[in-house]
Amino acid sequence: RRHSTPVRARSADGIADVLAEADGLAHCTPTGMREHPGLPVAADVLRP
């Protein structure tokens, strides 16, 4: 409603497919904090 750029809600189950079409990943969850350790996506979806 505020921007003309295409914005879509995508399923968390399909994150690998979304990243395959993406130029960048912006991670905005607490995963990775000391209190919430871990990796928010599988390593193999990250490409150079």
All heavy atoms as atom14 arrays in JSON, in Angstrom:
{
  "sequence": "RRHSTPVRARSADGIADVLAEADGLAHCTPTGMREHPGLPVAADVLRP",
  "atom14_mask": [
    [1, 1, 1, 1, 1, 1, 1, 1, 1, 1, 1, 0, 0, 0],
    [1, 1, 1, 1, 1, 1, 1, 1, 1, 1, 1, 0, 0, 0],
    [1, 1, 1, 1, 1, 1, 1, 1, 1, 1, 0, 0, 0, 0],
    [1, 1, 1, 1, 1, 1, 0, 0, 0, 0, 0, 0, 0, 0],
    [1, 1, 1, 1, 1, 1, 1, 0, 0, 0, 0, 0, 0, 0],
    [1, 1, 1, 1, 1, 1, 1, 0, 0, 0, 0, 0, 0, 0],
    [1, 1, 1, 1, 1, 1, 1, 0, 0, 0, 0, 0, 0, 0],
    [1, 1, 1, 1, 1, 1, 1, 1, 1, 1, 1, 0, 0, 0],
    [1, 1, 1, 1, 1, 0, 0, 0, 0, 0, 0, 0, 0, 0],
    [1, 1, 1, 1, 1, 1, 1, 1, 1, 1, 1, 0, 0, 0],
    [1, 1, 1, 1, 1, 1, 0, 0, 0, 0, 0, 0, 0, 0],
    [1, 1, 1, 1, 1, 0, 0, 0, 0, 0, 0, 0, 0, 0],
    [1, 1, 1, 1, 1, 1, 1, 1, 0, 0, 0, 0, 0, 0],
    [1, 1, 1, 1, 0, 0, 0, 0, 0, 0, 0, 0, 0, 0],
    [1, 1, 1, 1, 1, 1, 1, 1, 0, 0, 0, 0, 0, 0],
    [1, 1, 1, 1, 1, 0, 0, 0, 0, 0, 0, 0, 0, 0],
    [1, 1, 1, 1, 1, 1, 1, 1, 0, 0, 0, 0, 0, 0],
    [1, 1, 1, 1, 1, 1, 1, 0, 0, 0, 0, 0, 0, 0],
    [1, 1, 1, 1, 1, 1, 1, 1, 0, 0, 0, 0, 0, 0],
    [1, 1, 1, 1, 1, 0, 0, 0, 0, 0, 0, 0, 0, 0],
    [1, 1, 1, 1, 1, 1, 1, 1, 1, 0, 0, 0, 0, 0],
    [1, 1, 1, 1, 1, 0, 0, 0, 0, 0, 0, 0, 0, 0],
    [1, 1, 1, 1, 1, 1, 1, 1, 0, 0, 0, 0, 0, 0],
    [1, 1, 1, 1, 0, 0, 0, 0, 0, 0, 0, 0, 0, 0],
    [1, 1, 1, 1, 1, 1, 1, 1, 0, 0, 0, 0, 0, 0],
    [1, 1, 1, 1, 1, 0, 0, 0, 0, 0, 0, 0, 0, 0],
    [1, 1, 1, 1, 1, 1, 1, 1, 1, 1, 0, 0, 0, 0],
    [1, 1, 1, 1, 1, 1, 0, 0, 0, 0, 0, 0, 0, 0],
    [1, 1, 1, 1, 1, 1, 1, 0, 0, 0, 0, 0, 0, 0],
    [1, 1, 1, 1, 1, 1, 1, 0, 0, 0, 0, 0, 0, 0],
    [1, 1, 1, 1, 1, 1, 1, 0, 0, 0, 0, 0, 0, 0],
    [1, 1, 1, 1, 0, 0, 0, 0, 0, 0, 0, 0, 0, 0],
    [1, 1, 1, 1, 1, 1, 1, 1, 0, 0, 0, 0, 0, 0],
    [1, 1, 1, 1, 1, 1, 1, 1, 1, 1, 1, 0, 0, 0],
    [1, 1, 1, 1, 1, 1, 1, 1, 1, 0, 0, 0, 0, 0],
    [1, 1, 1, 1, 1, 1, 1, 1, 1, 1, 0, 0, 0, 0],
    [1, 1, 1, 1, 1, 1, 1, 0, 0, 0, 0, 0, 0, 0],
    [1, 1, 1, 1, 0, 0, 0, 0, 0, 0, 0, 0, 0, 0],
    [1, 1, 1, 1, 1, 1, 1, 1, 0, 0, 0, 0, 0, 0],
    [1, 1, 1, 1, 1, 1, 1, 0, 0, 0, 0, 0, 0, 0],
    [1, 1, 1, 1, 1, 1, 1, 0, 0, 0, 0, 0, 0, 0],
    [1, 1, 1, 1, 1, 0, 0, 0, 0, 0, 0, 0, 0, 0],
    [1, 1, 1, 1, 1, 0, 0, 0, 0, 0, 0, 0, 0, 0],
    [1, 1, 1, 1, 1, 1, 1, 1, 0, 0, 0, 0, 0, 0],
    [1, 1, 1, 1, 1, 1, 1, 0, 0, 0, 0, 0, 0, 0],
    [1, 1, 1, 1, 1, 1, 1, 1, 0, 0, 0, 0, 0, 0],
    [1, 1, 1, 1, 1, 1, 1, 1, 1, 1, 1, 0, 0, 0],
    [1, 1, 1, 1, 1, 1, 1, 0, 0, 0, 0, 0, 0, 0]
  ],
  "atom14_positions": [
    [[0.83, -1.22, 0.0], [0.0, 0.0, 0.0], [0.86, 1.26, 0.0], [0.42, 2.31, -0.47], [-0.93, 0.0, 1.22], [-2.13, -0.93, 1.08], [-3.16, -0.68, 2.18], [-2.68, -1.1, 3.48], [-2.81, -2.35, 3.94], [-3.39, -3.28, 3.2], [-2.36, -2.66, 5.15], [0.0, 0.0, 0.0], [0.0, 0.0, 0.0], [0.0, 0.0, 0.0]],
    [[2.08, 1.17, 0.52], [2.94, 2.35, 0.61], [3.96, 2.46, -0.52], [4.55, 3.51, -0.72], [3.69, 2.36, 1.95], [2.82, 2.44, 3.17], [3.6, 2.93, 4.38], [4.8, 2.18, 4.64], [4.86, 1.07, 5.37], [3.74, 0.57, 5.88], [6.0, 0.45, 5.59], [0.0, 0.0, 0.0], [0.0, 0.0, 0.0], [0.0, 0.0, 0.0]],
    [[4.21, 1.36, -1.22], [5.26, 1.34, -2.23], [4.74, 0.71, -3.52], [3.88, -0.17, -3.49], [6.47, 0.53, -1.73], [7.1, 1.09, -0.49], [8.08, 2.06, -0.51], [6.89, 0.81, 0.82], [8.44, 2.35, 0.73], [7.74, 1.6, 1.56], [0.0, 0.0, 0.0], [0.0, 0.0, 0.0], [0.0, 0.0, 0.0], [0.0, 0.0, 0.0]],
    [[5.31, 1.13, -4.64], [4.9, 0.57, -5.94], [5.67, -0.71, -6.28], [5.28, -1.44, -7.19], [5.12, 1.6, -7.04], [6.48, 2.0, -7.1], [0.0, 0.0, 0.0], [0.0, 0.0, 0.0], [0.0, 0.0, 0.0], [0.0, 0.0, 0.0], [0.0, 0.0, 0.0], [0.0, 0.0, 0.0], [0.0, 0.0, 0.0], [0.0, 0.0, 0.0]],
    [[6.74, -1.01, -5.56], [7.53, -2.21, -5.81], [6.71, -3.46, -5.5], [5.99, -3.49, -4.49], [8.79, -2.2, -4.91], [9.52, -1.0, -5.17], [9.68, -3.41, -5.18], [0.0, 0.0, 0.0], [0.0, 0.0, 0.0], [0.0, 0.0, 0.0], [0.0, 0.0, 0.0], [0.0, 0.0, 0.0], [0.0, 0.0, 0.0], [0.0, 0.0, 0.0]],
    [[6.82, -4.51, -6.32], [6.11, -5.76, -6.0], [6.56, -6.36, -4.67], [7.76, -6.53, -4.43], [6.49, -6.69, -7.17], [6.89, -5.77, -8.28], [7.53, -4.59, -7.62], [0.0, 0.0, 0.0], [0.0, 0.0, 0.0], [0.0, 0.0, 0.0], [0.0, 0.0, 0.0], [0.0, 0.0, 0.0], [0.0, 0.0, 0.0], [0.0, 0.0, 0.0]],
    [[5.6, -6.63, -3.81], [5.87, -7.25, -2.5], [4.94, -8.45, -2.35], [3.73, -8.33, -2.56], [5.63, -6.26, -1.34], [5.96, -6.92, 0.0], [6.45, -4.99, -1.52], [0.0, 0.0, 0.0], [0.0, 0.0, 0.0], [0.0, 0.0, 0.0], [0.0, 0.0, 0.0], [0.0, 0.0, 0.0], [0.0, 0.0, 0.0], [0.0, 0.0, 0.0]],
    [[5.52, -9.61, -2.0], [4.73, -10.83, -1.87], [5.02, -11.51, -0.54], [6.15, -11.48, -0.05], [5.07, -11.82, -3.0], [4.96, -11.25, -4.39], [5.35, -12.29, -5.44], [6.77, -12.63, -5.37], [7.39, -13.46, -6.21], [6.7, -14.05, -7.17], [8.67, -13.71, -6.09], [0.0, 0.0, 0.0], [0.0, 0.0, 0.0], [0.0, 0.0, 0.0]],
    [[4.01, -12.13, 0.02], [4.21, -13.03, 1.18], [4.46, -14.41, 0.63], [3.7, -14.91, -0.21], [2.98, -13.01, 2.07], [0.0, 0.0, 0.0], [0.0, 0.0, 0.0], [0.0, 0.0, 0.0], [0.0, 0.0, 0.0], [0.0, 0.0, 0.0], [0.0, 0.0, 0.0], [0.0, 0.0, 0.0], [0.0, 0.0, 0.0], [0.0, 0.0, 0.0]],
    [[5.54, -15.05, 1.09], [5.89, -16.39, 0.62], [5.94, -17.36, 1.79], [6.21, -16.98, 2.94], [7.25, -16.37, -0.09], [7.32, -15.41, -1.26], [6.49, -15.84, -2.46], [6.99, -17.08, -3.04], [7.92, -17.13, -4.0], [8.45, -16.01, -4.47], [8.32, -18.29, -4.49], [0.0, 0.0, 0.0], [0.0, 0.0, 0.0], [0.0, 0.0, 0.0]],
    [[5.72, -18.62, 1.5], [5.7, -19.64, 2.55], [7.1, -19.93, 3.06], [8.06, -20.01, 2.29], [5.08, -20.93, 1.99], [5.27, -22.0, 2.89], [0.0, 0.0, 0.0], [0.0, 0.0, 0.0], [0.0, 0.0, 0.0], [0.0, 0.0, 0.0], [0.0, 0.0, 0.0], [0.0, 0.0, 0.0], [0.0, 0.0, 0.0], [0.0, 0.0, 0.0]],
    [[7.2, -20.12, 4.38], [8.5, -20.47, 4.97], [8.99, -21.82, 4.46], [10.21, -22.07, 4.41], [8.38, -20.49, 6.49], [0.0, 0.0, 0.0], [0.0, 0.0, 0.0], [0.0, 0.0, 0.0], [0.0, 0.0, 0.0], [0.0, 0.0, 0.0], [0.0, 0.0, 0.0], [0.0, 0.0, 0.0], [0.0, 0.0, 0.0], [0.0, 0.0, 0.0]],
    [[8.09, -22.69, 4.07], [8.49, -23.99, 3.54], [9.2, -23.88, 2.2], [9.94, -24.78, 1.81], [7.26, -24.91, 3.38], [6.63, -25.26, 4.72], [7.34, -25.2, 5.74], [5.43, -25.58, 4.73], [0.0, 0.0, 0.0], [0.0, 0.0, 0.0], [0.0, 0.0, 0.0], [0.0, 0.0, 0.0], [0.0, 0.0, 0.0], [0.0, 0.0, 0.0]],
    [[8.97, -22.77, 1.5], [9.56, -22.61, 0.17], [10.72, -21.65, 0.13], [11.02, -21.09, -0.93], [0.0, 0.0, 0.0], [0.0, 0.0, 0.0], [0.0, 0.0, 0.0], [0.0, 0.0, 0.0], [0.0, 0.0, 0.0], [0.0, 0.0, 0.0], [0.0, 0.0, 0.0], [0.0, 0.0, 0.0], [0.0, 0.0, 0.0], [0.0, 0.0, 0.0]],
    [[11.41, -21.46, 1.26], [12.47, -20.46, 1.31], [13.6, -20.78, 0.33], [14.2, -19.86, -0.25], [13.01, -20.3, 2.75], [13.93, -19.08, 2.81], [13.71, -21.56, 3.23], [14.3, -18.67, 4.21], [0.0, 0.0, 0.0], [0.0, 0.0, 0.0], [0.0, 0.0, 0.0], [0.0, 0.0, 0.0], [0.0, 0.0, 0.0], [0.0, 0.0, 0.0]],
    [[13.89, -22.04, 0.08], [14.94, -22.38, -0.86], [14.59, -21.89, -2.26], [15.44, -21.36, -2.99], [15.18, -23.89, -0.87], [0.0, 0.0, 0.0], [0.0, 0.0, 0.0], [0.0, 0.0, 0.0], [0.0, 0.0, 0.0], [0.0, 0.0, 0.0], [0.0, 0.0, 0.0], [0.0, 0.0, 0.0], [0.0, 0.0, 0.0], [0.0, 0.0, 0.0]],
    [[13.33, -22.04, -2.65], [12.89, -21.57, -3.96], [12.94, -20.05, -4.05], [13.31, -19.48, -5.09], [11.47, -22.06, -4.26], [11.38, -23.57, -4.4], [12.4, -24.18, -4.8], [10.31, -24.13, -4.11], [0.0, 0.0, 0.0], [0.0, 0.0, 0.0], [0.0, 0.0, 0.0], [0.0, 0.0, 0.0], [0.0, 0.0, 0.0], [0.0, 0.0, 0.0]],
    [[12.56, -19.37, -2.97], [12.6, -17.91, -2.96], [14.03, -17.41, -3.12], [14.31, -16.5, -3.9], [11.98, -17.35, -1.65], [12.11, -15.83, -1.6], [10.52, -17.75, -1.54], [0.0, 0.0, 0.0], [0.0, 0.0, 0.0], [0.0, 0.0, 0.0], [0.0, 0.0, 0.0], [0.0, 0.0, 0.0], [0.0, 0.0, 0.0], [0.0, 0.0, 0.0]],
    [[14.96, -18.02, -2.37], [16.35, -17.58, -2.44], [16.98, -17.91, -3.78], [17.89, -17.2, -4.23], [17.15, -18.22, -1.3], [16.91, -17.59, 0.08], [17.62, -18.39, 1.16], [17.39, -16.15, 0.08], [0.0, 0.0, 0.0], [0.0, 0.0, 0.0], [0.0, 0.0, 0.0], [0.0, 0.0, 0.0], [0.0, 0.0, 0.0], [0.0, 0.0, 0.0]],
    [[16.51, -18.95, -4.45], [17.04, -19.28, -5.77], [16.76, -18.17, -6.78], [17.49, -18.01, -7.77], [16.43, -20.59, -6.26], [0.0, 0.0, 0.0], [0.0, 0.0, 0.0], [0.0, 0.0, 0.0], [0.0, 0.0, 0.0], [0.0, 0.0, 0.0], [0.0, 0.0, 0.0], [0.0, 0.0, 0.0], [0.0, 0.0, 0.0], [0.0, 0.0, 0.0]],
    [[15.71, -17.37, -6.51], [15.34, -16.28, -7.41], [15.8, -14.92, -6.9], [15.54, -13.88, -7.53], [13.81, -16.23, -7.54], [13.17, -17.53, -8.02], [11.65, -17.5, -7.88], [11.14, -16.54, -7.27], [11.0, -18.41, -8.39], [0.0, 0.0, 0.0], [0.0, 0.0, 0.0], [0.0, 0.0, 0.0], [0.0, 0.0, 0.0], [0.0, 0.0, 0.0]],
    [[16.49, -14.9, -5.75], [16.81, -13.63, -5.08], [18.25, -13.2, -5.32], [19.14, -14.01, -5.63], [16.56, -13.77, -3.57], [0.0, 0.0, 0.0], [0.0, 0.0, 0.0], [0.0, 0.0, 0.0], [0.0, 0.0, 0.0], [0.0, 0.0, 0.0], [0.0, 0.0, 0.0], [0.0, 0.0, 0.0], [0.0, 0.0, 0.0], [0.0, 0.0, 0.0]],
    [[18.47, -11.89, -5.14], [19.82, -11.32, -5.15], [20.36, -11.15, -3.74], [21.57, -11.02, -3.55], [19.81, -9.96, -5.85], [19.36, -10.06, -7.29], [20.05, -10.72, -8.08], [18.3, -9.48, -7.62], [0.0, 0.0, 0.0], [0.0, 0.0, 0.0], [0.0, 0.0, 0.0], [0.0, 0.0, 0.0], [0.0, 0.0, 0.0], [0.0, 0.0, 0.0]],
    [[19.44, -11.08, -2.76], [19.88, -10.84, -1.39], [18.93, -11.43, -0.37], [17.75, -11.67, -0.65], [0.0, 0.0, 0.0], [0.0, 0.0, 0.0], [0.0, 0.0, 0.0], [0.0, 0.0, 0.0], [0.0, 0.0, 0.0], [0.0, 0.0, 0.0], [0.0, 0.0, 0.0], [0.0, 0.0, 0.0], [0.0, 0.0, 0.0], [0.0, 0.0, 0.0]],
    [[19.47, -11.68, 0.82], [18.7, -12.19, 1.96], [18.87, -11.22, 3.12], [20.01, -10.91, 3.53], [19.2, -13.57, 2.38], [18.72, -14.09, 3.74], [17.22, -14.32, 3.75], [19.46, -15.38, 4.12], [0.0, 0.0, 0.0], [0.0, 0.0, 0.0], [0.0, 0.0, 0.0], [0.0, 0.0, 0.0], [0.0, 0.0, 0.0], [0.0, 0.0, 0.0]],
    [[17.76, -10.72, 3.66], [17.78, -9.87, 4.85], [17.17, -10.67, 5.99], [15.98, -10.97, 5.98], [17.0, -8.59, 4.61], [0.0, 0.0, 0.0], [0.0, 0.0, 0.0], [0.0, 0.0, 0.0], [0.0, 0.0, 0.0], [0.0, 0.0, 0.0], [0.0, 0.0, 0.0], [0.0, 0.0, 0.0], [0.0, 0.0, 0.0], [0.0, 0.0, 0.0]],
    [[18.0, -11.02, 6.98], [17.53, -11.83, 8.1], [17.14, -10.94, 9.27], [17.97, -10.19, 9.81], [18.63, -12.81, 8.56], [18.27, -13.53, 9.8], [19.04, -13.47, 10.95], [17.2, -14.31, 10.11], [18.47, -14.18, 11.9], [17.35, -14.7, 11.41], [0.0, 0.0, 0.0], [0.0, 0.0, 0.0], [0.0, 0.0, 0.0], [0.0, 0.0, 0.0]],
    [[15.85, -11.03, 9.68], [15.3, -10.14, 10.7], [14.57, -10.91, 11.78], [13.48, -10.49, 12.22], [14.37, -9.13, 10.04], [15.11, -8.17, 8.72], [0.0, 0.0, 0.0], [0.0, 0.0, 0.0], [0.0, 0.0, 0.0], [0.0, 0.0, 0.0], [0.0, 0.0, 0.0], [0.0, 0.0, 0.0], [0.0, 0.0, 0.0], [0.0, 0.0, 0.0]],
    [[15.11, -12.03, 12.23], [14.55, -12.77, 13.35], [15.6, -12.86, 14.45], [16.77, -12.54, 14.21], [14.12, -14.2, 12.93], [15.27, -15.08, 13.0], [13.52, -14.23, 11.53], [0.0, 0.0, 0.0], [0.0, 0.0, 0.0], [0.0, 0.0, 0.0], [0.0, 0.0, 0.0], [0.0, 0.0, 0.0], [0.0, 0.0, 0.0], [0.0, 0.0, 0.0]],
    [[15.24, -13.31, 15.65], [16.23, -13.42, 16.73], [17.2, -14.58, 16.57], [18.15, -14.7, 17.36], [15.37, -13.61, 17.98], [14.0, -13.19, 17.61], [13.86, -13.51, 16.16], [0.0, 0.0, 0.0], [0.0, 0.0, 0.0], [0.0, 0.0, 0.0], [0.0, 0.0, 0.0], [0.0, 0.0, 0.0], [0.0, 0.0, 0.0], [0.0, 0.0, 0.0]],
    [[17.0, -15.46, 15.6], [17.89, -16.61, 15.43], [19.33, -16.13, 15.21], [19.58, -15.27, 14.37], [17.46, -17.47, 14.23], [16.12, -17.91, 14.44], [18.37, -18.69, 14.08], [0.0, 0.0, 0.0], [0.0, 0.0, 0.0], [0.0, 0.0, 0.0], [0.0, 0.0, 0.0], [0.0, 0.0, 0.0], [0.0, 0.0, 0.0], [0.0, 0.0, 0.0]],
    [[20.23, -16.69, 15.98], [21.63, -16.28, 15.93], [22.06, -15.49, 17.14], [23.25, -15.36, 17.41], [0.0, 0.0, 0.0], [0.0, 0.0, 0.0], [0.0, 0.0, 0.0], [0.0, 0.0, 0.0], [0.0, 0.0, 0.0], [0.0, 0.0, 0.0], [0.0, 0.0, 0.0], [0.0, 0.0, 0.0], [0.0, 0.0, 0.0], [0.0, 0.0, 0.0]],
    [[21.07, -14.95, 17.9], [21.42, -14.29, 19.15], [21.92, -15.32, 20.15], [21.69, -16.52, 20.0], [20.19, -13.57, 19.72], [19.71, -12.39, 18.9], [18.15, -11.67, 19.51], [18.65, -11.11, 21.14], [0.0, 0.0, 0.0], [0.0, 0.0, 0.0], [0.0, 0.0, 0.0], [0.0, 0.0, 0.0], [0.0, 0.0, 0.0], [0.0, 0.0, 0.0]],
    [[22.6, -14.87, 21.19], [23.11, -15.8, 22.2], [21.99, -16.64, 22.8], [22.16, -17.82, 23.09], [23.81, -15.02, 23.32], [25.08, -14.32, 22.86], [25.85, -13.75, 24.03], [27.05, -13.08, 23.56], [28.16, -13.68, 23.2], [28.22, -15.0, 23.22], [29.21, -12.99, 22.8], [0.0, 0.0, 0.0], [0.0, 0.0, 0.0], [0.0, 0.0, 0.0]],
    [[20.81, -16.0, 22.96], [19.69, -16.72, 23.56], [18.96, -17.59, 22.55], [18.12, -18.42, 22.91], [18.69, -15.72, 24.17], [19.26, -14.89, 25.29], [20.1, -13.72, 24.78], [20.04, -13.43, 23.57], [20.82, -13.11, 25.59], [0.0, 0.0, 0.0], [0.0, 0.0, 0.0], [0.0, 0.0, 0.0], [0.0, 0.0, 0.0], [0.0, 0.0, 0.0]],
    [[19.24, -17.4, 21.25], [18.56, -18.15, 20.18], [19.58, -18.59, 19.14], [19.52, -18.17, 17.98], [17.48, -17.28, 19.53], [16.51, -16.67, 20.49], [15.44, -17.36, 21.01], [16.45, -15.42, 21.02], [14.76, -16.57, 21.82], [15.36, -15.39, 21.85], [0.0, 0.0, 0.0], [0.0, 0.0, 0.0], [0.0, 0.0, 0.0], [0.0, 0.0, 0.0]],
    [[20.55, -19.43, 19.51], [21.6, -19.81, 18.57], [21.06, -20.65, 17.41], [20.02, -21.29, 17.52], [22.57, -20.63, 19.44], [21.7, -21.18, 20.54], [20.69, -20.12, 20.81], [0.0, 0.0, 0.0], [0.0, 0.0, 0.0], [0.0, 0.0, 0.0], [0.0, 0.0, 0.0], [0.0, 0.0, 0.0], [0.0, 0.0, 0.0], [0.0, 0.0, 0.0]],
    [[21.8, -20.62, 16.31], [21.42, -21.45, 15.18], [21.53, -20.72, 13.86], [21.92, -19.54, 13.79], [0.0, 0.0, 0.0], [0.0, 0.0, 0.0], [0.0, 0.0, 0.0], [0.0, 0.0, 0.0], [0.0, 0.0, 0.0], [0.0, 0.0, 0.0], [0.0, 0.0, 0.0], [0.0, 0.0, 0.0], [0.0, 0.0, 0.0], [0.0, 0.0, 0.0]],
    [[21.19, -21.42, 12.8], [21.24, -20.91, 11.44], [19.81, -20.8, 10.92], [19.08, -21.79, 10.94], [22.06, -21.87, 10.57], [22.55, -21.42, 9.21], [23.51, -20.24, 9.35], [23.23, -22.58, 8.49], [0.0, 0.0, 0.0], [0.0, 0.0, 0.0], [0.0, 0.0, 0.0], [0.0, 0.0, 0.0], [0.0, 0.0, 0.0], [0.0, 0.0, 0.0]],
    [[19.35, -19.64, 10.46], [17.94, -19.48, 10.07], [17.58, -20.12, 8.74], [16.4, -20.32, 8.44], [17.76, -17.97, 10.01], [19.12, -17.45, 9.7], [20.08, -18.36, 10.4], [0.0, 0.0, 0.0], [0.0, 0.0, 0.0], [0.0, 0.0, 0.0], [0.0, 0.0, 0.0], [0.0, 0.0, 0.0], [0.0, 0.0, 0.0], [0.0, 0.0, 0.0]],
    [[18.58, -20.4, 7.91], [18.35, -21.07, 6.62], [19.42, -22.14, 6.45], [20.48, -22.09, 7.07], [18.42, -20.09, 5.44], [17.31, -19.04, 5.53], [19.78, -19.41, 5.34], [0.0, 0.0, 0.0], [0.0, 0.0, 0.0], [0.0, 0.0, 0.0], [0.0, 0.0, 0.0], [0.0, 0.0, 0.0], [0.0, 0.0, 0.0], [0.0, 0.0, 0.0]],
    [[19.15, -23.11, 5.61], [20.15, -24.15, 5.33], [21.34, -23.54, 4.6], [21.18, -22.68, 3.73], [19.52, -25.25, 4.47], [0.0, 0.0, 0.0], [0.0, 0.0, 0.0], [0.0, 0.0, 0.0], [0.0, 0.0, 0.0], [0.0, 0.0, 0.0], [0.0, 0.0, 0.0], [0.0, 0.0, 0.0], [0.0, 0.0, 0.0], [0.0, 0.0, 0.0]],
    [[22.53, -24.0, 4.96], [23.74, -23.43, 4.37], [23.78, -23.58, 2.86], [24.31, -22.71, 2.16], [24.97, -24.09, 5.01], [0.0, 0.0, 0.0], [0.0, 0.0, 0.0], [0.0, 0.0, 0.0], [0.0, 0.0, 0.0], [0.0, 0.0, 0.0], [0.0, 0.0, 0.0], [0.0, 0.0, 0.0], [0.0, 0.0, 0.0], [0.0, 0.0, 0.0]],
    [[23.2, -24.66, 2.35], [23.33, -24.92, 0.92], [22.47, -24.0, 0.05], [22.57, -24.06, -1.19], [23.04, -26.39, 0.6], [21.65, -26.84, 1.0], [20.82, -25.99, 1.36], [21.38, -28.06, 0.95], [0.0, 0.0, 0.0], [0.0, 0.0, 0.0], [0.0, 0.0, 0.0], [0.0, 0.0, 0.0], [0.0, 0.0, 0.0], [0.0, 0.0, 0.0]],
    [[21.63, -23.14, 0.65], [20.86, -22.19, -0.16], [21.63, -20.89, -0.36], [21.18, -20.01, -1.1], [19.48, -21.9, 0.45], [18.68, -23.18, 0.61], [19.59, -21.15, 1.78], [0.0, 0.0, 0.0], [0.0, 0.0, 0.0], [0.0, 0.0, 0.0], [0.0, 0.0, 0.0], [0.0, 0.0, 0.0], [0.0, 0.0, 0.0], [0.0, 0.0, 0.0]],
    [[22.78, -20.75, 0.31], [23.6, -19.54, 0.18], [24.61, -19.75, -0.94], [25.37, -20.71, -0.92], [24.31, -19.25, 1.5], [23.41, -19.09, 2.73], [24.25, -18.9, 3.98], [22.43, -17.94, 2.55], [0.0, 0.0, 0.0], [0.0, 0.0, 0.0], [0.0, 0.0, 0.0], [0.0, 0.0, 0.0], [0.0, 0.0, 0.0], [0.0, 0.0, 0.0]],
    [[24.62, -18.84, -1.89], [25.51, -18.97, -3.05], [26.33, -17.69, -3.19], [25.94, -16.62, -2.68], [24.72, -19.25, -4.31], [23.7, -18.19, -4.65], [22.88, -18.52, -5.89], [22.24, -17.31, -6.39], [21.1, -16.81, -5.9], [20.45, -17.43, -4.92], [20.61, -15.69, -6.41], [0.0, 0.0, 0.0], [0.0, 0.0, 0.0], [0.0, 0.0, 0.0]],
    [[27.46, -17.71, -3.89], [28.39, -16.57, -3.92], [27.81, -15.27, -4.44], [28.27, -14.19, -4.03], [29.51, -17.06, -4.83], [29.47, -18.54, -4.71], [28.02, -18.9, -4.57], [0.0, 0.0, 0.0], [0.0, 0.0, 0.0], [0.0, 0.0, 0.0], [0.0, 0.0, 0.0], [0.0, 0.0, 0.0], [0.0, 0.0, 0.0], [0.0, 0.0, 0.0]]
  ]
}
